[in-house]
C-alpha atoms as a PDB file:
ATOM      1  CA  UNK A   1      16.736 -19.597   1.826  1.00  0.00           C
ATOM      2  CA  UNK A   2      14.673 -18.864  -1.355  1.00  0.00           C
ATOM      3  CA  UNK A   3      13.920 -15.520  -2.493  1.00  0.00           C
ATOM      4  CA  UNK A   4      11.666 -13.812  -5.427  1.00  0.00           C
ATOM      5  CA  UNK A   5      14.461 -12.262  -7.463  1.00  0.00           C
ATOM      6  CA  UNK A   6      15.839 -10.931 -10.718  1.00  0.00           C
ATOM      7  CA  UNK A   7      19.186 -10.880 -12.842  1.00  0.00           C
ATOM      8  CA  UNK A   8      18.386  -8.310 -15.396  1.00  0.00           C
ATOM      9  CA  UNK A   9      15.116  -5.618 -15.996  1.00  0.00           C
ATOM     10  CA  UNK A  10      12.173  -6.335 -17.761  1.00  0.00           C
ATOM     11  CA  UNK A  11       8.526  -7.970 -17.734  1.00  0.00           C
ATOM     12  CA  UNK A  12       7.533  -9.804 -15.164  1.00  0.00           C
ATOM     13  CA  UNK A  13       9.172 -13.086 -17.085  1.00  0.00           C
ATOM     14  CA  UNK A  14      12.432 -11.986 -15.697  1.00  0.00           C
ATOM     15  CA  UNK A  15      11.321 -12.929 -12.352  1.00  0.00           C
ATOM     16  CA  UNK A  16      12.357 -16.139 -10.930  1.00  0.00           C
ATOM     17  CA  UNK A  17      11.908 -18.043  -7.076  1.00  0.00           C
ATOM     18  CA  UNK A  18      15.450 -19.196  -6.497  1.00  0.00           C
ATOM     19  CA  UNK A  19      18.579 -19.547  -3.672  1.00  0.00           C
ATOM     20  CA  UNK A  20      19.769 -16.540  -2.353  1.00  0.00           C
ATOM     21  CA  UNK A  21      21.739 -15.033   0.711  1.00  0.00           C
ATOM     22  CA  UNK A  22      19.969 -16.046   4.170  1.00  0.00           C
ATOM     23  CA  UNK A  23      18.973 -12.539   6.304  1.00  0.00           C
ATOM     24  CA  UNK A  24      19.180 -12.019   9.684  1.00  0.00           C
ATOM     25  CA  UNK A  25      17.457  -9.464  12.279  1.00  0.00           C
ATOM     26  CA  UNK A  26      20.177  -6.692  13.457  1.00  0.00           C
ATOM     27  CA  UNK A  27      19.474  -3.962  15.980  1.00  0.00           C
ATOM     28  CA  UNK A  28      15.907  -2.358  16.042  1.00  0.00           C
ATOM     29  CA  UNK A  29      14.343  -5.219  13.810  1.00  0.00           C
ATOM     30  CA  UNK A  30      13.186  -8.645  13.824  1.00  0.00           C
ATOM     31  CA  UNK A  31      12.800 -11.607  11.459  1.00  0.00           C
ATOM     32  CA  UNK A  32       9.993 -13.493  10.387  1.00  0.00           C
ATOM     33  CA  UNK A  33       9.377 -16.566   8.510  1.00  0.00           C
ATOM     34  CA  UNK A  34       7.112 -15.437   5.826  1.00  0.00           C
ATOM     35  CA  UNK A  35       3.800 -16.667   5.919  1.00  0.00           C
ATOM     36  CA  UNK A  36       2.578 -14.436   3.055  1.00  0.00           C
ATOM     37  CA  UNK A  37       3.787 -11.146   1.076  1.00  0.00           C
ATOM     38  CA  UNK A  38       2.483  -8.525  -0.671  1.00  0.00           C
ATOM     39  CA  UNK A  39       2.251  -6.936  -3.865  1.00  0.00           C
ATOM     40  CA  UNK A  40       2.936  -3.219  -4.384  1.00  0.00           C
ATOM     41  CA  UNK A  41       2.866  -1.031  -7.558  1.00  0.00           C
ATOM     42  CA  UNK A  42       6.568   0.023  -6.407  1.00  0.00           C
ATOM     43  CA  UNK A  43       7.971  -3.655  -6.980  1.00  0.00           C
ATOM     44  CA  UNK A  44       7.124  -3.614 -10.691  1.00  0.00           C
ATOM     45  CA  UNK A  45       8.595  -0.285 -11.796  1.00  0.00           C
ATOM     46  CA  UNK A  46      11.516  -1.350 -10.137  1.00  0.00           C
ATOM     47  CA  UNK A  47      12.323  -4.503 -11.850  1.00  0.00           C
ATOM     48  CA  UNK A  48      11.457  -3.208 -15.303  1.00  0.00           C
ATOM     49  CA  UNK A  49      14.059  -0.531 -14.683  1.00  0.00           C
ATOM     50  CA  UNK A  50      11.831   2.574 -14.905  1.00  0.00           C
ATOM     51  CA  UNK A  51      13.586   3.391 -11.436  1.00  0.00           C
ATOM     52  CA  UNK A  52      17.119   3.038 -12.503  1.00  0.00           C
ATOM     53  CA  UNK A  53      18.158   6.405 -13.952  1.00  0.00           C
ATOM     54  CA  UNK A  54      19.262   4.304 -16.677  1.00  0.00           C
ATOM     55  CA  UNK A  55      22.126   2.433 -14.757  1.00  0.00           C
ATOM     56  CA  UNK A  56      22.422  -1.331 -14.906  1.00  0.00           C
ATOM     57  CA  UNK A  57      21.846  -3.570 -12.248  1.00  0.00           C
ATOM     58  CA  UNK A  58      24.582  -4.722 -10.188  1.00  0.00           C
ATOM     59  CA  UNK A  59      24.064  -8.241  -9.173  1.00  0.00           C
ATOM     60  CA  UNK A  60      20.488  -9.607  -8.238  1.00  0.00           C
ATOM     61  CA  UNK A  61      17.518  -7.539  -7.044  1.00  0.00           C
ATOM     62  CA  UNK A  62      15.390  -8.496  -4.682  1.00  0.00           C
ATOM     63  CA  UNK A  63      11.770  -7.382  -4.143  1.00  0.00           C
ATOM     64  CA  UNK A  64       8.800  -6.501  -1.517  1.00  0.00           C
ATOM     65  CA  UNK A  65       8.080  -4.357   1.240  1.00  0.00           C
ATOM     66  CA  UNK A  66       5.280  -5.974   3.532  1.00  0.00           C
ATOM     67  CA  UNK A  67       5.023  -9.464   4.943  1.00  0.00           C
ATOM     68  CA  UNK A  68       3.090 -11.095   7.604  1.00  0.00           C
ATOM     69  CA  UNK A  69       4.666 -14.604   9.248  1.00  0.00           C
ATOM     70  CA  UNK A  70       6.298 -16.238  12.808  1.00  0.00           C
ATOM     71  CA  UNK A  71       8.836 -14.185  14.355  1.00  0.00           C
ATOM     72  CA  UNK A  72      12.097 -16.537  14.856  1.00  0.00           C
ATOM     73  CA  UNK A  73      14.816 -14.039  15.097  1.00  0.00           C
ATOM     74  CA  UNK A  74      14.608 -11.028  17.328  1.00  0.00           C
ATOM     75  CA  UNK A  75      17.366  -8.081  16.999  1.00  0.00           C
ATOM     76  CA  UNK A  76      19.348  -6.237  19.622  1.00  0.00           C
ATOM     77  CA  UNK A  77      17.204  -3.418  21.635  1.00  0.00           C
ATOM     78  CA  UNK A  78      14.325  -4.956  20.340  1.00  0.00           C
ATOM     79  CA  UNK A  79      11.115  -5.451  22.862  1.00  0.00           C
ATOM     80  CA  UNK A  80       7.503  -6.343  23.254  1.00  0.00           C
ATOM     81  CA  UNK A  81       8.131  -8.837  21.011  1.00  0.00           C
ATOM     82  CA  UNK A  82       9.275 -12.677  21.510  1.00  0.00           C
ATOM     83  CA  UNK A  83      10.261 -15.669  19.226  1.00  0.00           C
ATOM     84  CA  UNK A  84       7.018 -17.072  18.008  1.00  0.00           C
ATOM     85  CA  UNK A  85       4.931 -13.991  17.965  1.00  0.00           C
ATOM     86  CA  UNK A  86       2.920 -13.781  14.961  1.00  0.00           C
ATOM     87  CA  UNK A  87       3.185 -10.302  13.239  1.00  0.00           C
ATOM     88  CA  UNK A  88       2.687  -8.155  10.261  1.00  0.00           C
ATOM     89  CA  UNK A  89       4.501  -5.075   8.909  1.00  0.00           C
ATOM     90  CA  UNK A  90       7.003  -3.642   6.410  1.00  0.00           C
ATOM     91  CA  UNK A  91      10.821  -4.079   5.606  1.00  0.00           C
ATOM     92  CA  UNK A  92      13.104  -4.865   2.475  1.00  0.00           C
ATOM     93  CA  UNK A  93      13.111  -8.000   0.370  1.00  0.00           C
ATOM     94  CA  UNK A  94       9.901  -9.472   2.479  1.00  0.00           C
ATOM     95  CA  UNK A  95       9.183 -11.608  -0.692  1.00  0.00           C
ATOM     96  CA  UNK A  96      11.651 -14.607   0.417  1.00  0.00           C
ATOM     97  CA  UNK A  97      11.080 -17.146   2.785  1.00  0.00           C
ATOM     98  CA  UNK A  98      12.867 -15.264   5.635  1.00  0.00           C
ATOM     99  CA  UNK A  99      12.448 -11.665   5.854  1.00  0.00           C
ATOM    100  CA  UNK A 100      13.545  -8.956   8.419  1.00  0.00           C
ATOM    101  CA  UNK A 101      11.037  -6.331   9.411  1.00  0.00           C
ATOM    102  CA  UNK A 102      12.047  -2.680  10.630  1.00  0.00           C
ATOM    103  CA  UNK A 103       8.396  -2.161  11.925  1.00  0.00           C
ATOM    104  CA  UNK A 104       5.915  -4.759  12.624  1.00  0.00           C
ATOM    105  CA  UNK A 105       2.678  -5.105  14.810  1.00  0.00           C
ATOM    106  CA  UNK A 106       0.809  -8.185  15.944  1.00  0.00           C
ATOM    107  CA  UNK A 107      -1.082  -9.849  13.842  1.00  0.00           C
ATOM    108  CA  UNK A 108      -4.913 -10.343  15.247  1.00  0.00           C
ATOM    109  CA  UNK A 109      -5.651 -13.603  15.642  1.00  0.00           C
ATOM    110  CA  UNK A 110      -8.957 -13.582  13.586  1.00  0.00           C
ATOM    111  CA  UNK A 111      -7.035 -12.087  10.451  1.00  0.00           C
ATOM    112  CA  UNK A 112      -5.807 -14.556   7.683  1.00  0.00           C
ATOM    113  CA  UNK A 113      -1.963 -14.427   6.948  1.00  0.00           C
ATOM    114  CA  UNK A 114      -2.707 -12.975   3.381  1.00  0.00           C
ATOM    115  CA  UNK A 115      -5.131 -10.076   4.693  1.00  0.00           C
ATOM    116  CA  UNK A 116      -2.327  -9.312   7.612  1.00  0.00           C
ATOM    117  CA  UNK A 117       0.795  -8.796   4.792  1.00  0.00           C
ATOM    118  CA  UNK A 118      -1.679  -6.541   2.380  1.00  0.00           C
ATOM    119  CA  UNK A 119      -1.856  -4.362   5.225  1.00  0.00           C
ATOM    120  CA  UNK A 120       1.621  -3.034   5.743  1.00  0.00           C
ATOM    121  CA  UNK A 121       2.234  -0.759   2.936  1.00  0.00           C
ATOM    122  CA  UNK A 122      -1.092   0.253   2.636  1.00  0.00           C
ATOM    123  CA  UNK A 123      -1.877   0.767   6.213  1.00  0.00           C
ATOM    124  CA  UNK A 124       1.135   3.162   6.690  1.00  0.00           C
ATOM    125  CA  UNK A 125       0.416   4.975   3.312  1.00  0.00           C
ATOM    126  CA  UNK A 126      -3.107   5.235   3.889  1.00  0.00           C
ATOM    127  CA  UNK A 127      -2.081   6.660   7.846  1.00  0.00           C
ATOM    128  CA  UNK A 128       0.168   9.100   6.122  1.00  0.00           C
ATOM    129  CA  UNK A 129      -1.624  11.001   3.393  1.00  0.00           C
ATOM    130  CA  UNK A 130      -4.509  11.490   6.330  1.00  0.00           C
ATOM    131  CA  UNK A 131      -2.491  12.995   8.657  1.00  0.00           C
ATOM    132  CA  UNK A 132      -0.458  14.989   6.095  1.00  0.00           C
ATOM    133  CA  UNK A 133      -3.589  16.213   4.632  1.00  0.00           C
ATOM    134  CA  UNK A 134      -5.424  16.958   8.622  1.00  0.00           C
ATOM    135  CA  UNK A 135      -8.343  15.412   7.259  1.00  0.00           C
ATOM    136  CA  UNK A 136     -10.588  15.502  10.497  1.00  0.00           C
ATOM    137  CA  UNK A 137     -14.033  13.961  11.755  1.00  0.00           C
ATOM    138  CA  UNK A 138     -16.736  15.788   9.424  1.00  0.00           C
ATOM    139  CA  UNK A 139     -14.142  16.325   6.464  1.00  0.00           C
ATOM    140  CA  UNK A 140     -15.317  15.277   2.958  1.00  0.00           C
ATOM    141  CA  UNK A 141     -12.453  13.459   1.267  1.00  0.00           C
ATOM    142  CA  UNK A 142     -12.037  12.324  -1.891  1.00  0.00           C
ATOM    143  CA  UNK A 143      -9.872   9.439  -2.877  1.00  0.00           C
ATOM    144  CA  UNK A 144      -8.941   9.497  -6.596  1.00  0.00           C
ATOM    145  CA  UNK A 145      -8.436   5.599  -6.912  1.00  0.00           C
ATOM    146  CA  UNK A 146     -10.523   3.992  -4.032  1.00  0.00           C
ATOM    147  CA  UNK A 147     -10.532   0.388  -5.352  1.00  0.00           C
ATOM    148  CA  UNK A 148      -6.891  -0.624  -5.400  1.00  0.00           C
ATOM    149  CA  UNK A 149      -4.381  -1.476  -2.307  1.00  0.00           C
ATOM    150  CA  UNK A 150      -3.621   1.594  -0.930  1.00  0.00           C
ATOM    151  CA  UNK A 151      -6.914   3.370  -1.925  1.00  0.00           C
ATOM    152  CA  UNK A 152      -9.532   0.624  -0.460  1.00  0.00           C
ATOM    153  CA  UNK A 153      -7.704   0.870   3.026  1.00  0.00           C
ATOM    154  CA  UNK A 154      -7.927   4.763   3.017  1.00  0.00           C
ATOM    155  CA  UNK A 155     -11.375   4.810   2.220  1.00  0.00           C
ATOM    156  CA  UNK A 156     -12.236   2.330   5.129  1.00  0.00           C
ATOM    157  CA  UNK A 157      -9.422   4.175   7.381  1.00  0.00           C
ATOM    158  CA  UNK A 158     -10.959   7.462   6.752  1.00  0.00           C
ATOM    159  CA  UNK A 159     -14.450   6.000   7.415  1.00  0.00           C
ATOM    160  CA  UNK A 160     -13.427   4.680  10.670  1.00  0.00           C
ATOM    161  CA  UNK A 161     -12.302   8.372  11.760  1.00  0.00           C
ATOM    162  CA  UNK A 162     -15.605   9.701  10.912  1.00  0.00           C
ATOM    163  CA  UNK A 163     -14.419  11.368   7.325  1.00  0.00           C
ATOM    164  CA  UNK A 164     -17.085  11.449   4.482  1.00  0.00           C
ATOM    165  CA  UNK A 165     -15.309   9.997   1.351  1.00  0.00           C
ATOM    166  CA  UNK A 166     -16.099  10.048  -1.993  1.00  0.00           C
ATOM    167  CA  UNK A 167     -14.149   7.448  -4.041  1.00  0.00           C
ATOM    168  CA  UNK A 168     -13.809   7.001  -7.851  1.00  0.00           C
ATOM    169  CA  UNK A 169     -13.079   3.708  -9.478  1.00  0.00           C
ATOM    170  CA  UNK A 170     -14.012   1.977 -12.816  1.00  0.00           C
ATOM    171  CA  UNK A 171     -17.395   0.741 -14.086  1.00  0.00           C
ATOM    172  CA  UNK A 172     -16.474  -2.972 -12.577  1.00  0.00           C
ATOM    173  CA  UNK A 173     -15.611  -1.281  -9.058  1.00  0.00           C
ATOM    174  CA  UNK A 174     -18.430   0.516  -8.097  1.00  0.00           C
ATOM    175  CA  UNK A 175     -20.371  -1.452  -6.247  1.00  0.00           C
ATOM    176  CA  UNK A 176     -17.001  -2.982  -4.453  1.00  0.00           C
ATOM    177  CA  UNK A 177     -16.701   1.097  -3.431  1.00  0.00           C
ATOM    178  CA  UNK A 178     -20.316   1.162  -2.291  1.00  0.00           C
ATOM    179  CA  UNK A 179     -19.501  -2.451  -0.104  1.00  0.00           C
ATOM    180  CA  UNK A 180     -16.774  -0.272   1.545  1.00  0.00           C
ATOM    181  CA  UNK A 181     -18.959   2.531   2.952  1.00  0.00           C
ATOM    182  CA  UNK A 182     -17.682   5.078   0.011  1.00  0.00           C
ATOM    183  CA  UNK A 183     -19.947   7.455  -2.032  1.00  0.00           C
ATOM    184  CA  UNK A 184     -18.782   6.228  -5.742  1.00  0.00           C
ATOM    185  CA  UNK A 185     -17.931   8.385  -8.801  1.00  0.00           C
ATOM    186  CA  UNK A 186     -16.437   6.921 -12.173  1.00  0.00           C
ATOM    187  CA  UNK A 187     -13.106   7.350 -12.838  1.00  0.00           C
ATOM    188  CA  UNK A 188     -11.285   9.034 -15.740  1.00  0.00           C
ATOM    189  CA  UNK A 189     -12.183  12.087 -17.939  1.00  0.00           C
ATOM    190  CA  UNK A 190     -14.208  14.455 -15.866  1.00  0.00           C
ATOM    191  CA  UNK A 191     -14.334  13.057 -12.483  1.00  0.00           C
ATOM    192  CA  UNK A 192     -13.503  16.451 -10.914  1.00  0.00           C
ATOM    193  CA  UNK A 193     -17.190  17.469 -12.442  1.00  0.00           C
ATOM    194  CA  UNK A 194     -18.642  14.241 -10.921  1.00  0.00           C
ATOM    195  CA  UNK A 195     -17.180  14.246  -7.382  1.00  0.00           C
ATOM    196  CA  UNK A 196     -18.495  18.075  -6.959  1.00  0.00           C
ATOM    197  CA  UNK A 197     -21.811  16.604  -7.735  1.00  0.00           C
ATOM    198  CA  UNK A 198     -21.433  14.064  -5.075  1.00  0.00           C
ATOM    199  CA  UNK A 199     -20.366  16.349  -2.755  1.00  0.00           C
ATOM    200  CA  UNK A 200     -22.509  19.133  -3.299  1.00  0.00           C
ATOM    201  CA  UNK A 201     -19.582  21.328  -4.311  1.00  0.00           C
ATOM    202  CA  UNK A 202     -16.389  21.324  -2.948  1.00  0.00           C
ATOM    203  CA  UNK A 203     -14.684  18.690  -0.614  1.00  0.00           C
ATOM    204  CA  UNK A 204     -12.089  19.336   2.141  1.00  0.00           C
ATOM    205  CA  UNK A 205      -9.113  16.781   0.890  1.00  0.00           C
ATOM    206  CA  UNK A 206      -8.063  14.998  -2.061  1.00  0.00           C
ATOM    207  CA  UNK A 207      -5.958  12.106  -2.049  1.00  0.00           C
ATOM    208  CA  UNK A 208      -5.054  11.027  -5.084  1.00  0.00           C
ATOM    209  CA  UNK A 209      -3.717   7.546  -5.105  1.00  0.00           C
ATOM    210  CA  UNK A 210      -2.619   6.528  -8.782  1.00  0.00           C
ATOM    211  CA  UNK A 211      -1.340   9.959 -10.301  1.00  0.00           C
ATOM    212  CA  UNK A 212      -3.616   9.948 -13.129  1.00  0.00           C
ATOM    213  CA  UNK A 213      -5.914  12.620 -12.865  1.00  0.00           C
ATOM    214  CA  UNK A 214      -4.604  16.117 -13.991  1.00  0.00           C
ATOM    215  CA  UNK A 215      -3.699  17.690 -10.759  1.00  0.00           C
ATOM    216  CA  UNK A 216      -5.009  21.249 -12.103  1.00  0.00           C
ATOM    217  CA  UNK A 217      -8.834  19.071 -11.584  1.00  0.00           C
ATOM    218  CA  UNK A 218      -8.225  18.120  -8.332  1.00  0.00           C
ATOM    219  CA  UNK A 219      -6.882  21.290  -7.244  1.00  0.00           C
ATOM    220  CA  UNK A 220     -10.012  22.760  -8.467  1.00  0.00           C
ATOM    221  CA  UNK A 221     -11.634  20.424  -5.745  1.00  0.00           C
ATOM    222  CA  UNK A 222     -10.216  22.100  -3.000  1.00  0.00           C
ATOM    223  CA  UNK A 223      -9.631  25.261  -1.283  1.00  0.00           C
ATOM    224  CA  UNK A 224      -6.202  25.456  -1.461  1.00  0.00           C
ATOM    225  CA  UNK A 225      -3.702  23.344  -3.407  1.00  0.00           C
ATOM    226  CA  UNK A 226      -1.799  21.735  -0.039  1.00  0.00           C
ATOM    227  CA  UNK A 227      -5.628  20.269   0.256  1.00  0.00           C
ATOM    228  CA  UNK A 228      -4.012  17.594  -2.070  1.00  0.00           C
ATOM    229  CA  UNK A 229      -2.076  14.844  -1.570  1.00  0.00           C
ATOM    230  CA  UNK A 230      -0.797  11.917  -3.941  1.00  0.00           C
ATOM    231  CA  UNK A 231       1.822   9.320  -3.970  1.00  0.00           C
ATOM    232  CA  UNK A 232       2.333   8.816  -7.811  1.00  0.00           C
ATOM    233  CA  UNK A 233       2.393  12.216  -9.358  1.00  0.00           C
ATOM    234  CA  UNK A 234       5.577  12.992  -8.319  1.00  0.00           C
ATOM    235  CA  UNK A 235       6.153  16.258 -10.690  1.00  0.00           C
ATOM    236  CA  UNK A 236       3.376  17.573  -9.638  1.00  0.00           C
ATOM    237  CA  UNK A 237       4.802  19.528  -5.984  1.00  0.00           C
ATOM    238  CA  UNK A 238       5.399  22.725  -8.449  1.00  0.00           C
ATOM    239  CA  UNK A 239       2.401  23.056  -8.346  1.00  0.00           C
ATOM    240  CA  UNK A 240       1.415  23.374  -4.821  1.00  0.00           C
ATOM    241  CA  UNK A 241       0.026  20.001  -4.011  1.00  0.00           C
ATOM    242  CA  UNK A 242       2.199  17.860  -1.353  1.00  0.00           C
ATOM    243  CA  UNK A 243       4.047  15.213  -2.637  1.00  0.00           C
ATOM    244  CA  UNK A 244       5.183  12.073  -0.301  1.00  0.00           C
ATOM    245  CA  UNK A 245       6.907   9.501  -1.164  1.00  0.00           C
ATOM    246  CA  UNK A 246       7.411   7.958   3.061  1.00  0.00           C
ATOM    247  CA  UNK A 247      10.910   8.217   4.326  1.00  0.00           C
ATOM    248  CA  UNK A 248      10.685  11.305   7.017  1.00  0.00           C
ATOM    249  CA  UNK A 249       7.122  11.254   6.787  1.00  0.00           C
ATOM    250  CA  UNK A 250       6.416   8.166   7.836  1.00  0.00           C
ATOM    251  CA  UNK A 251       5.228   6.895  11.176  1.00  0.00           C
ATOM    252  CA  UNK A 252       5.026   3.388  10.546  1.00  0.00           C
ATOM    253  CA  UNK A 253       5.004   1.493  13.845  1.00  0.00           C
ATOM    254  CA  UNK A 254       1.840   3.738  14.511  1.00  0.00           C
ATOM    255  CA  UNK A 255      -0.185   3.161  11.583  1.00  0.00           C
ATOM    256  CA  UNK A 256       0.550  -0.505  12.077  1.00  0.00           C
ATOM    257  CA  UNK A 257      -0.748  -0.205  15.557  1.00  0.00           C
ATOM    258  CA  UNK A 258      -3.745   1.719  14.359  1.00  0.00           C
ATOM    259  CA  UNK A 259      -4.125  -0.598  11.417  1.00  0.00           C
ATOM    260  CA  UNK A 260      -4.026  -3.875  13.731  1.00  0.00           C
ATOM    261  CA  UNK A 261      -7.171  -2.730  16.071  1.00  0.00           C
ATOM    262  CA  UNK A 262      -9.007  -1.891  12.519  1.00  0.00           C
ATOM    263  CA  UNK A 263      -8.657  -5.241  11.399  1.00  0.00           C
ATOM    264  CA  UNK A 264      -9.084  -6.611  14.595  1.00  0.00           C
ATOM    265  CA  UNK A 265     -12.799  -4.551  14.581  1.00  0.00           C
ATOM    266  CA  UNK A 266     -13.452  -5.468  11.436  1.00  0.00           C
ATOM    267  CA  UNK A 267     -13.454  -1.771  10.488  1.00  0.00           C
ATOM    268  CA  UNK A 268     -10.850  -2.160   7.144  1.00  0.00           C
ATOM    269  CA  UNK A 269     -11.525  -5.463   5.015  1.00  0.00           C
ATOM    270  CA  UNK A 270      -8.958  -5.722   2.837  1.00  0.00           C
ATOM    271  CA  UNK A 271     -10.075  -8.203  -0.173  1.00  0.00           C
ATOM    272  CA  UNK A 272      -7.110 -10.326  -1.629  1.00  0.00           C
ATOM    273  CA  UNK A 273      -5.940 -12.375  -4.040  1.00  0.00           C
ATOM    274  CA  UNK A 274      -3.244 -14.883  -3.656  1.00  0.00           C
ATOM    275  CA  UNK A 275      -0.511 -16.485  -5.737  1.00  0.00           C
ATOM    276  CA  UNK A 276       1.817 -19.009  -4.834  1.00  0.00           C
ATOM    277  CA  UNK A 277       5.690 -17.606  -4.775  1.00  0.00           C
ATOM    278  CA  UNK A 278       6.475 -19.715  -8.204  1.00  0.00           C
ATOM    279  CA  UNK A 279       3.908 -17.913  -9.765  1.00  0.00           C
ATOM    280  CA  UNK A 280       4.829 -13.968  -8.857  1.00  0.00           C
ATOM    281  CA  UNK A 281       4.843 -13.223 -12.386  1.00  0.00           C
ATOM    282  CA  UNK A 282       1.209 -13.748 -13.140  1.00  0.00           C
ATOM    283  CA  UNK A 283       0.742 -11.411  -9.920  1.00  0.00           C
ATOM    284  CA  UNK A 284       2.987  -8.840 -11.155  1.00  0.00           C
ATOM    285  CA  UNK A 285       1.329  -8.509 -14.513  1.00  0.00           C
ATOM    286  CA  UNK A 286      -2.057  -8.036 -12.846  1.00  0.00           C
ATOM    287  CA  UNK A 287      -0.851  -5.461 -11.007  1.00  0.00           C
ATOM    288  CA  UNK A 288       0.547  -3.806 -13.780  1.00  0.00           C
ATOM    289  CA  UNK A 289      -2.715  -3.674 -15.566  1.00  0.00           C
ATOM    290  CA  UNK A 290      -3.895  -1.238 -13.292  1.00  0.00           C
ATOM    291  CA  UNK A 291      -7.116  -3.146 -12.786  1.00  0.00           C
ATOM    292  CA  UNK A 292      -6.909  -4.934  -9.194  1.00  0.00           C
ATOM    293  CA  UNK A 293      -9.670  -4.581  -6.150  1.00  0.00           C
ATOM    294  CA  UNK A 294      -8.015  -4.698  -3.238  1.00  0.00           C
ATOM    295  CA  UNK A 295      -4.374  -6.140  -2.988  1.00  0.00           C
ATOM    296  CA  UNK A 296      -2.493  -9.197  -4.737  1.00  0.00           C
ATOM    297  CA  UNK A 297      -0.422 -11.189  -2.174  1.00  0.00           C
ATOM    298  CA  UNK A 298       2.197 -14.043  -2.850  1.00  0.00           C
ATOM    299  CA  UNK A 299       2.232 -16.978  -0.431  1.00  0.00           C
ATOM    300  CA  UNK A 300       5.140 -19.668   0.325  1.00  0.00           C
END
C-alpha cells in the first residue's frame, strides 16, 4: 500500500507519499480502505522531531490519528460491524491507503467522507474535555481557541448539551464563532477581561485548546484551578489545572457514537479543507501557521 511517511525530522518538505508495508486488522480492530484522513497538530509536532526527545528516527515514520473509510477486514472479537460498512474513527498511521481503527462509529449516510474523517480526534477530545471538566447544561464554558478543528467541535458539542459558550479566535474568525453559536471574543492579550465582559463575571469552566494564554489568566476566570483543562500546555499541571492527552482518560467509542449522532442531526457542522495525499506538505504548512478554520483533511 501507499502511505504518507518521512525518513528524517524536519519541515513538511520531508513528507513523501510512497510505498509502505501493508497493515491488517488484529483482535478488537477493523481495517478500512481510507477515503479521507484528518490532519492534526500532533502530527507535525512528531515529524518535526519536537516529540522525539533528541532521539534519532529509527526507520520511516508514519502519520495520522483519524480517518473515514470502508471496512475491508474485521479483527477477532469484533461484533456489530461488517466488511463493506462505512465508518469513521481513530487509529494509528491513518494517512495511508489502508488503516487499522481501534475505535469507530458508523458514518451517517448524509455526511461527507472528509467531514467524517475530521470528526475522530476532534470529537473524542471534545467529549473528554467536557466530561473531565464536569460541564453541564446551564453552565457557561469558555473555549480558548474556538475556531480550529477541536475548538469548533467542542463549542458545538457543548451547545448541544445546553451549555452557554464563549469562545476566542482571531479577528477573521469572529463571524465564524457566531455562525456556530458561540459568543465571540478576540484571542490574545487581554482575553480574560473580554471573557468577563461577555459573561457578566466569571465562567464555570475553561477549555484551553492551543495552550497559549497564560494559565494564571485562565485560572482567574473560574472558582478553582481544576475548572480549567488544557490539551496543549502540559507544563501547566503544577498550577492545579487539569492536563489531558487522552490515554486512560479517553472513552473513544462513546465519544464517536455521540459525534455520529450530532453530525447526523446537524448539531455539529465541521468546515473542512481537503488536499490530495500528494499535497500533504501544503496542508501541514497551513496547520503549522495556527490559523485554521475547522479541519484540514487528506484524500486519496
